[in-house]
Amino acid sequence: MFQNFIGKDGFIWWIGVVERQDDPLGLRRHKVRIFGWHTDNKSVLPDADLPWAMPVYPINTNKTFSTPTVGQWVLGFFMDGESGQFPIYM
């Protein structure tokens, strides 16, 4: 009944903290440590091993977009569901 419905079928929302913002491609991606998904032990999972989180840009903007800084919390979801390797942040 609820097939392909946001919130069902493996769609996962998350909250995390920005750990790095030095995107080598300049796409405003961030390394985000997701609460309850990634360990907070940085010797087990260093920041460098976190997947890059892609931003969702507002469509009604004047081409200005303020990216979060290290230490700020962001909300997002996984594009690849329970695999958790393609995070998107808002």
C-alpha atoms as a PDB file:
ATOM      1  CA  MET A   1       0.000   0.000   0.000  1.00  0.00           C
ATOM      2  CA  PHE A   2       2.781   2.479   0.846  1.00  0.00           C
ATOM      3  CA  GLN A   3       5.283   1.462  -1.796  1.00  0.00           C
ATOM      4  CA  ASN A   4       7.814   4.195  -2.734  1.00  0.00           C
ATOM      5  CA  PHE A   5       6.432   6.511  -0.060  1.00  0.00           C
ATOM      6  CA  ILE A   6       8.869   8.794   1.788  1.00  0.00           C
ATOM      7  CA  GLY A   7       9.287   7.426   5.284  1.00  0.00           C
ATOM      8  CA  LYS A   8       8.579   3.839   4.188  1.00  0.00           C
ATOM      9  CA  ASP A   9      10.556   1.260   2.225  1.00  0.00           C
ATOM     10  CA  GLY A  10      13.974   2.060   3.699  1.00  0.00           C
ATOM     11  CA  PHE A  11      13.906   5.862   3.362  1.00  0.00           C
ATOM     12  CA  ILE A  12      16.119   7.080   6.207  1.00  0.00           C
ATOM     13  CA  TRP A  13      16.195  10.581   7.672  1.00  0.00           C
ATOM     14  CA  TRP A  14      19.149  11.546   9.868  1.00  0.00           C
ATOM     15  CA  ILE A  15      20.729  14.331  11.940  1.00  0.00           C
ATOM     16  CA  GLY A  16      24.476  14.744  12.110  1.00  0.00           C
ATOM     17  CA  VAL A  17      27.339  17.091  12.873  1.00  0.00           C
ATOM     18  CA  VAL A  18      29.618  18.585  10.225  1.00  0.00           C
ATOM     19  CA  GLU A  19      33.156  17.266  10.710  1.00  0.00           C
ATOM     20  CA  ARG A  20      34.912  18.556   7.555  1.00  0.00           C
ATOM     21  CA  GLN A  21      34.104  21.066   4.834  1.00  0.00           C
ATOM     22  CA  ASP A  22      37.256  20.983   2.709  1.00  0.00           C
ATOM     23  CA  ASP A  23      35.640  19.511  -0.396  1.00  0.00           C
ATOM     24  CA  PRO A  24      38.424  18.957  -2.951  1.00  0.00           C
ATOM     25  CA  LEU A  25      35.903  19.239  -5.814  1.00  0.00           C
ATOM     26  CA  GLY A  26      34.427  22.542  -4.584  1.00  0.00           C
ATOM     27  CA  LEU A  27      30.855  21.198  -4.640  1.00  0.00           C
ATOM     28  CA  ARG A  28      30.120  22.298  -1.060  1.00  0.00           C
ATOM     29  CA  ARG A  29      30.002  18.706   0.094  1.00  0.00           C
ATOM     30  CA  HIS A  30      30.683  18.021   3.761  1.00  0.00           C
ATOM     31  CA  LYS A  31      31.817  15.093   5.852  1.00  0.00           C
ATOM     32  CA  VAL A  32      28.959  14.584   8.319  1.00  0.00           C
ATOM     33  CA  ARG A  33      29.077  12.253  11.327  1.00  0.00           C
ATOM     34  CA  ILE A  34      25.515  10.964  11.541  1.00  0.00           C
ATOM     35  CA  PHE A  35      24.178  10.378  15.050  1.00  0.00           C
ATOM     36  CA  GLY A  36      23.363   6.732  15.691  1.00  0.00           C
ATOM     37  CA  TRP A  37      24.735   5.685  12.297  1.00  0.00           C
ATOM     38  CA  HIS A  38      28.441   6.510  12.652  1.00  0.00           C
ATOM     39  CA  THR A  39      30.434   5.926  15.807  1.00  0.00           C
ATOM     40  CA  ASP A  40      31.630   9.041  17.624  1.00  0.00           C
ATOM     41  CA  ASN A  41      34.993   7.312  18.201  1.00  0.00           C
ATOM     42  CA  LYS A  42      37.267   9.009  15.672  1.00  0.00           C
ATOM     43  CA  SER A  43      40.000   6.396  16.076  1.00  0.00           C
ATOM     44  CA  VAL A  44      37.516   3.753  14.838  1.00  0.00           C
ATOM     45  CA  LEU A  45      35.986   5.952  12.098  1.00  0.00           C
ATOM     46  CA  PRO A  46      38.187   8.945  11.215  1.00  0.00           C
ATOM     47  CA  ASP A  47      36.602  11.983   9.554  1.00  0.00           C
ATOM     48  CA  ALA A  48      38.424  11.168   6.308  1.00  0.00           C
ATOM     49  CA  ASP A  49      36.520   7.857   6.062  1.00  0.00           C
ATOM     50  CA  LEU A  50      33.058   9.427   6.314  1.00  0.00           C
ATOM     51  CA  PRO A  51      31.165   9.642   3.002  1.00  0.00           C
ATOM     52  CA  TRP A  52      30.785  13.067   1.387  1.00  0.00           C
ATOM     53  CA  ALA A  53      27.296  14.507   1.969  1.00  0.00           C
ATOM     54  CA  MET A  54      25.857  16.454  -0.969  1.00  0.00           C
ATOM     55  CA  PRO A  55      23.835  19.624  -0.302  1.00  0.00           C
ATOM     56  CA  VAL A  56      20.266  20.254  -1.396  1.00  0.00           C
ATOM     57  CA  TYR A  57      20.162  23.769  -2.809  1.00  0.00           C
ATOM     58  CA  PRO A  58      17.064  25.967  -2.642  1.00  0.00           C
ATOM     59  CA  ILE A  59      15.547  26.495  -6.083  1.00  0.00           C
ATOM     60  CA  ASN A  60      14.339  30.039  -5.360  1.00  0.00           C
ATOM     61  CA  THR A  61      17.666  31.632  -4.547  1.00  0.00           C
ATOM     62  CA  ASN A  62      19.731  34.479  -5.902  1.00  0.00           C
ATOM     63  CA  LYS A  63      22.679  32.068  -6.198  1.00  0.00           C
ATOM     64  CA  THR A  64      23.758  32.612  -2.612  1.00  0.00           C
ATOM     65  CA  PHE A  65      23.887  29.621  -0.356  1.00  0.00           C
ATOM     66  CA  SER A  66      25.355  29.574   3.127  1.00  0.00           C
ATOM     67  CA  THR A  67      27.017  26.256   3.857  1.00  0.00           C
ATOM     68  CA  PRO A  68      27.203  24.910   7.389  1.00  0.00           C
ATOM     69  CA  THR A  69      30.494  25.083   9.240  1.00  0.00           C
ATOM     70  CA  VAL A  70      32.358  22.469  11.250  1.00  0.00           C
ATOM     71  CA  GLY A  71      30.471  21.694  14.461  1.00  0.00           C
ATOM     72  CA  GLN A  72      27.032  22.668  13.168  1.00  0.00           C
ATOM     73  CA  TRP A  73      24.227  20.122  13.013  1.00  0.00           C
ATOM     74  CA  VAL A  74      22.480  19.331   9.741  1.00  0.00           C
ATOM     75  CA  LEU A  75      19.396  17.336   8.752  1.00  0.00           C
ATOM     76  CA  GLY A  76      19.432  14.955   5.839  1.00  0.00           C
ATOM     77  CA  PHE A  77      18.547  11.638   4.289  1.00  0.00           C
ATOM     78  CA  PHE A  78      20.248   8.815   2.440  1.00  0.00           C
ATOM     79  CA  MET A  79      19.708   8.598  -1.323  1.00  0.00           C
ATOM     80  CA  ASP A  80      20.698   4.922  -1.176  1.00  0.00           C
ATOM     81  CA  GLY A  81      18.469   3.935   1.757  1.00  0.00           C
ATOM     82  CA  GLU A  82      19.942   1.542   4.270  1.00  0.00           C
ATOM     83  CA  SER A  83      23.318   1.354   2.484  1.00  0.00           C
ATOM     84  CA  GLY A  84      23.992   4.807   3.970  1.00  0.00           C
ATOM     85  CA  GLN A  85      26.791   5.769   1.570  1.00  0.00           C
ATOM     86  CA  PHE A  86      25.105   8.642  -0.320  1.00  0.00           C
ATOM     87  CA  PRO A  87      23.970  11.221   2.262  1.00  0.00           C
ATOM     88  CA  ILE A  88      22.185  14.417   1.283  1.00  0.00           C
ATOM     89  CA  TYR A  89      22.052  17.340   3.740  1.00  0.00           C
ATOM     90  CA  MET A  90      19.717  20.312   4.058  1.00  0.00           C
END
